[in-house]
Amino acid sequence: MAATLITALVLIALVACAAFTIWMLREKNPTLLQQQEQSVRTWFDHMIHRH
């Protein structure tokens, strides 16, 4: 139970971090955002399918 909660909190923190990073990058460099978005999607798909 505790492990599941911790895992969920870690995932939420990672998603929040990624969203903030993407937002910062979008402000500075729109072309870099597209590459970042693609890699984040790939990583996210990997995480979802792994569990």
PDB file of N, CA and C in Angstrom:
ATOM      1  N   MET A   1       0.836  -1.201   0.000  1.00  0.00           N
ATOM      2  CA  MET A   1       0.000   0.000   0.000  1.00  0.00           C
ATOM      3  C   MET A   1       0.873   1.255   0.000  1.00  0.00           C
ATOM      4  N   ALA A   2       1.823   1.306   0.938  1.00  0.00           N
ATOM      5  CA  ALA A   2       2.710   2.466   1.029  1.00  0.00           C
ATOM      6  C   ALA A   2       3.559   2.609  -0.235  1.00  0.00           C
ATOM      7  N   ALA A   3       4.032   1.477  -0.755  1.00  0.00           N
ATOM      8  CA  ALA A   3       4.863   1.504  -1.962  1.00  0.00           C
ATOM      9  C   ALA A   3       4.087   2.055  -3.152  1.00  0.00           C
ATOM     10  N   THR A   4       2.828   1.661  -3.265  1.00  0.00           N
ATOM     11  CA  THR A   4       1.975   2.148  -4.351  1.00  0.00           C
ATOM     12  C   THR A   4       1.782   3.652  -4.238  1.00  0.00           C
ATOM     13  N   LEU A   5       1.542   4.119  -3.021  1.00  0.00           N
ATOM     14  CA  LEU A   5       1.350   5.548  -2.774  1.00  0.00           C
ATOM     15  C   LEU A   5       2.602   6.333  -3.122  1.00  0.00           C
ATOM     16  N   ILE A   6       3.756   5.821  -2.697  1.00  0.00           N
ATOM     17  CA  ILE A   6       5.035   6.475  -2.983  1.00  0.00           C
ATOM     18  C   ILE A   6       5.286   6.516  -4.486  1.00  0.00           C
ATOM     19  N   THR A   7       5.027   5.405  -5.165  1.00  0.00           N
ATOM     20  CA  THR A   7       5.206   5.341  -6.619  1.00  0.00           C
ATOM     21  C   THR A   7       4.323   6.364  -7.315  1.00  0.00           C
ATOM     22  N   ALA A   8       3.070   6.458  -6.883  1.00  0.00           N
ATOM     23  CA  ALA A   8       2.129   7.420  -7.462  1.00  0.00           C
ATOM     24  C   ALA A   8       2.621   8.845  -7.245  1.00  0.00           C
ATOM     25  N   LEU A   9       3.088   9.145  -6.046  1.00  0.00           N
ATOM     26  CA  LEU A   9       3.593  10.487  -5.736  1.00  0.00           C
ATOM     27  C   LEU A   9       4.822  10.819  -6.575  1.00  0.00           C
ATOM     28  N   VAL A  10       5.713   9.849  -6.740  1.00  0.00           N
ATOM     29  CA  VAL A  10       6.913  10.051  -7.556  1.00  0.00           C
ATOM     30  C   VAL A  10       6.529  10.330  -9.005  1.00  0.00           C
ATOM     31  N   LEU A  11       5.581   9.555  -9.541  1.00  0.00           N
ATOM     32  CA  LEU A  11       5.126   9.761 -10.914  1.00  0.00           C
ATOM     33  C   LEU A  11       4.506  11.140 -11.087  1.00  0.00           C
ATOM     34  N   ILE A  12       3.681  11.555 -10.125  1.00  0.00           N
ATOM     35  CA  ILE A  12       3.064  12.886 -10.179  1.00  0.00           C
ATOM     36  C   ILE A  12       4.140  13.970 -10.164  1.00  0.00           C
ATOM     37  N   ALA A  13       5.141  13.800  -9.308  1.00  0.00           N
ATOM     38  CA  ALA A  13       6.240  14.762  -9.222  1.00  0.00           C
ATOM     39  C   ALA A  13       7.006  14.834 -10.542  1.00  0.00           C
ATOM     40  N   LEU A  14       7.267  13.678 -11.152  1.00  0.00           N
ATOM     41  CA  LEU A  14       7.979  13.637 -12.429  1.00  0.00           C
ATOM     42  C   LEU A  14       7.184  14.320 -13.535  1.00  0.00           C
ATOM     43  N   VAL A  15       5.878  14.059 -13.562  1.00  0.00           N
ATOM     44  CA  VAL A  15       5.012  14.677 -14.569  1.00  0.00           C
ATOM     45  C   VAL A  15       4.987  16.193 -14.381  1.00  0.00           C
ATOM     46  N   ALA A  16       4.888  16.636 -13.137  1.00  0.00           N
ATOM     47  CA  ALA A  16       4.891  18.073 -12.845  1.00  0.00           C
ATOM     48  C   ALA A  16       6.211  18.705 -13.287  1.00  0.00           C
ATOM     49  N   CYS A  17       7.316  18.027 -13.007  1.00  0.00           N
ATOM     50  CA  CYS A  17       8.643  18.496 -13.414  1.00  0.00           C
ATOM     51  C   CYS A  17       8.744  18.594 -14.935  1.00  0.00           C
ATOM     52  N   ALA A  18       8.283  17.551 -15.616  1.00  0.00           N
ATOM     53  CA  ALA A  18       8.325  17.522 -17.076  1.00  0.00           C
ATOM     54  C   ALA A  18       7.469  18.641 -17.661  1.00  0.00           C
ATOM     55  N   ALA A  19       6.273  18.835 -17.097  1.00  0.00           N
ATOM     56  CA  ALA A  19       5.372  19.880 -17.582  1.00  0.00           C
ATOM     57  C   ALA A  19       6.007  21.257 -17.406  1.00  0.00           C
ATOM     58  N   PHE A  20       6.625  21.488 -16.256  1.00  0.00           N
ATOM     59  CA  PHE A  20       7.283  22.767 -15.985  1.00  0.00           C
ATOM     60  C   PHE A  20       8.456  22.988 -16.934  1.00  0.00           C
ATOM     61  N   THR A  21       9.260  21.932 -17.142  1.00  0.00           N
ATOM     62  CA  THR A  21      10.406  22.016 -18.048  1.00  0.00           C
ATOM     63  C   THR A  21       9.953  22.330 -19.470  1.00  0.00           C
ATOM     64  N   ILE A  22       8.901  21.637 -19.923  1.00  0.00           N
ATOM     65  CA  ILE A  22       8.361  21.855 -21.263  1.00  0.00           C
ATOM     66  C   ILE A  22       7.841  23.283 -21.401  1.00  0.00           C
ATOM     67  N   TRP A  23       7.164  23.778 -20.369  1.00  0.00           N
ATOM     68  CA  TRP A  23       6.640  25.143 -20.394  1.00  0.00           C
ATOM     69  C   TRP A  23       7.780  26.149 -20.521  1.00  0.00           C
ATOM     70  N   MET A  24       8.849  25.935 -19.744  1.00  0.00           N
ATOM     71  CA  MET A  24      10.021  26.809 -19.801  1.00  0.00           C
ATOM     72  C   MET A  24      10.665  26.760 -21.183  1.00  0.00           C
ATOM     73  N   LEU A  25      10.798  25.549 -21.732  1.00  0.00           N
ATOM     74  CA  LEU A  25      11.404  25.392 -23.053  1.00  0.00           C
ATOM     75  C   LEU A  25      10.553  26.046 -24.132  1.00  0.00           C
ATOM     76  N   ARG A  26       9.236  25.925 -23.998  1.00  0.00           N
ATOM     77  CA  ARG A  26       8.323  26.499 -24.983  1.00  0.00           C
ATOM     78  C   ARG A  26       8.467  28.018 -25.019  1.00  0.00           C
ATOM     79  N   GLU A  27       8.690  28.623 -23.863  1.00  0.00           N
ATOM     80  CA  GLU A  27       8.894  30.067 -23.790  1.00  0.00           C
ATOM     81  C   GLU A  27      10.156  30.466 -24.555  1.00  0.00           C
ATOM     82  N   LYS A  28      11.194  29.616 -24.476  1.00  0.00           N
ATOM     83  CA  LYS A  28      12.499  29.957 -25.036  1.00  0.00           C
ATOM     84  C   LYS A  28      12.691  29.466 -26.472  1.00  0.00           C
ATOM     85  N   ASN A  29      12.276  28.222 -26.747  1.00  0.00           N
ATOM     86  CA  ASN A  29      12.606  27.602 -28.033  1.00  0.00           C
ATOM     87  C   ASN A  29      11.493  26.655 -28.493  1.00  0.00           C
ATOM     88  N   PRO A  30      10.596  27.131 -29.351  1.00  0.00           N
ATOM     89  CA  PRO A  30       9.450  26.314 -29.787  1.00  0.00           C
ATOM     90  C   PRO A  30       9.836  25.051 -30.559  1.00  0.00           C
ATOM     91  N   THR A  31      10.928  25.091 -31.329  1.00  0.00           N
ATOM     92  CA  THR A  31      11.310  23.908 -32.107  1.00  0.00           C
ATOM     93  C   THR A  31      11.835  22.808 -31.197  1.00  0.00           C
ATOM     94  N   LEU A  32      12.541  23.200 -30.144  1.00  0.00           N
ATOM     95  CA  LEU A  32      13.056  22.227 -29.185  1.00  0.00           C
ATOM     96  C   LEU A  32      11.905  21.535 -28.471  1.00  0.00           C
ATOM     97  N   LEU A  33      10.816  22.271 -28.279  1.00  0.00           N
ATOM     98  CA  LEU A  33       9.641  21.726 -27.596  1.00  0.00           C
ATOM     99  C   LEU A  33       9.111  20.486 -28.300  1.00  0.00           C
ATOM    100  N   GLN A  34       9.042  20.523 -29.625  1.00  0.00           N
ATOM    101  CA  GLN A  34       8.492  19.396 -30.375  1.00  0.00           C
ATOM    102  C   GLN A  34       9.321  18.128 -30.152  1.00  0.00           C
ATOM    103  N   GLN A  35      10.641  18.264 -30.162  1.00  0.00           N
ATOM    104  CA  GLN A  35      11.523  17.122 -29.904  1.00  0.00           C
ATOM    105  C   GLN A  35      11.322  16.614 -28.482  1.00  0.00           C
ATOM    106  N   GLN A  36      11.244  17.551 -27.534  1.00  0.00           N
ATOM    107  CA  GLN A  36      11.068  17.201 -26.126  1.00  0.00           C
ATOM    108  C   GLN A  36       9.745  16.481 -25.927  1.00  0.00           C
ATOM    109  N   GLU A  37       8.698  17.001 -26.558  1.00  0.00           N
ATOM    110  CA  GLU A  37       7.363  16.423 -26.432  1.00  0.00           C
ATOM    111  C   GLU A  37       7.360  14.985 -26.938  1.00  0.00           C
ATOM    112  N   GLN A  38       8.038  14.760 -28.058  1.00  0.00           N
ATOM    113  CA  GLN A  38       8.114  13.423 -28.645  1.00  0.00           C
ATOM    114  C   GLN A  38       8.832  12.455 -27.706  1.00  0.00           C
ATOM    115  N   SER A  39       9.941  12.906 -27.128  1.00  0.00           N
ATOM    116  CA  SER A  39      10.700  12.032 -26.222  1.00  0.00           C
ATOM    117  C   SER A  39       9.920  11.766 -24.939  1.00  0.00           C
ATOM    118  N   VAL A  40       9.208  12.778 -24.450  1.00  0.00           N
ATOM    119  CA  VAL A  40       8.391  12.601 -23.247  1.00  0.00           C
ATOM    120  C   VAL A  40       7.270  11.609 -23.515  1.00  0.00           C
ATOM    121  N   ARG A  41       6.623  11.721 -24.686  1.00  0.00           N
ATOM    122  CA  ARG A  41       5.554  10.784 -25.054  1.00  0.00           C
ATOM    123  C   ARG A  41       6.086   9.360 -25.130  1.00  0.00           C
ATOM    124  N   THR A  42       7.234   9.197 -25.764  1.00  0.00           N
ATOM    125  CA  THR A  42       7.854   7.878 -25.891  1.00  0.00           C
ATOM    126  C   THR A  42       8.155   7.301 -24.517  1.00  0.00           C
ATOM    127  N   TRP A  43       8.733   8.136 -23.633  1.00  0.00           N
ATOM    128  CA  TRP A  43       9.070   7.700 -22.274  1.00  0.00           C
ATOM    129  C   TRP A  43       7.816   7.350 -21.491  1.00  0.00           C
ATOM    130  N   PHE A  44       6.787   8.175 -21.645  1.00  0.00           N
ATOM    131  CA  PHE A  44       5.535   7.960 -20.921  1.00  0.00           C
ATOM    132  C   PHE A  44       4.873   6.657 -21.366  1.00  0.00           C
ATOM    133  N   ASP A  45       4.854   6.428 -22.678  1.00  0.00           N
ATOM    134  CA  ASP A  45       4.309   5.175 -23.218  1.00  0.00           C
ATOM    135  C   ASP A  45       5.084   3.984 -22.652  1.00  0.00           C
ATOM    136  N   HIS A  46       6.402   4.118 -22.611  1.00  0.00           N
ATOM    137  CA  HIS A  46       7.263   3.059 -22.080  1.00  0.00           C
ATOM    138  C   HIS A  46       6.913   2.773 -20.624  1.00  0.00           C
ATOM    139  N   MET A  47       6.735   3.832 -19.840  1.00  0.00           N
ATOM    140  CA  MET A  47       6.403   3.684 -18.417  1.00  0.00           C
ATOM    141  C   MET A  47       5.054   2.989 -18.240  1.00  0.00           C
ATOM    142  N   ILE A  48       4.073   3.404 -19.033  1.00  0.00           N
ATOM    143  CA  ILE A  48       2.720   2.846 -18.919  1.00  0.00           C
ATOM    144  C   ILE A  48       2.715   1.368 -19.309  1.00  0.00           C
ATOM    145  N   HIS A  49       3.375   1.040 -20.418  1.00  0.00           N
ATOM    146  CA  HIS A  49       3.358  -0.340 -20.899  1.00  0.00           C
ATOM    147  C   HIS A  49       4.191  -1.265 -20.018  1.00  0.00           C
ATOM    148  N   ARG A  50       5.159  -0.699 -19.308  1.00  0.00           N
ATOM    149  CA  ARG A  50       6.030  -1.519 -18.469  1.00  0.00           C
ATOM    150  C   ARG A  50       5.290  -2.055 -17.255  1.00  0.00           C
ATOM    151  N   HIS A  51       4.346  -1.282 -16.740  1.00  0.00           N
ATOM    152  CA  HIS A  51       3.635  -1.684 -15.518  1.00  0.00           C
ATOM    153  C   HIS A  51       2.520  -2.677 -15.811  1.00  0.00           C
TER     154      HIS A  51
END
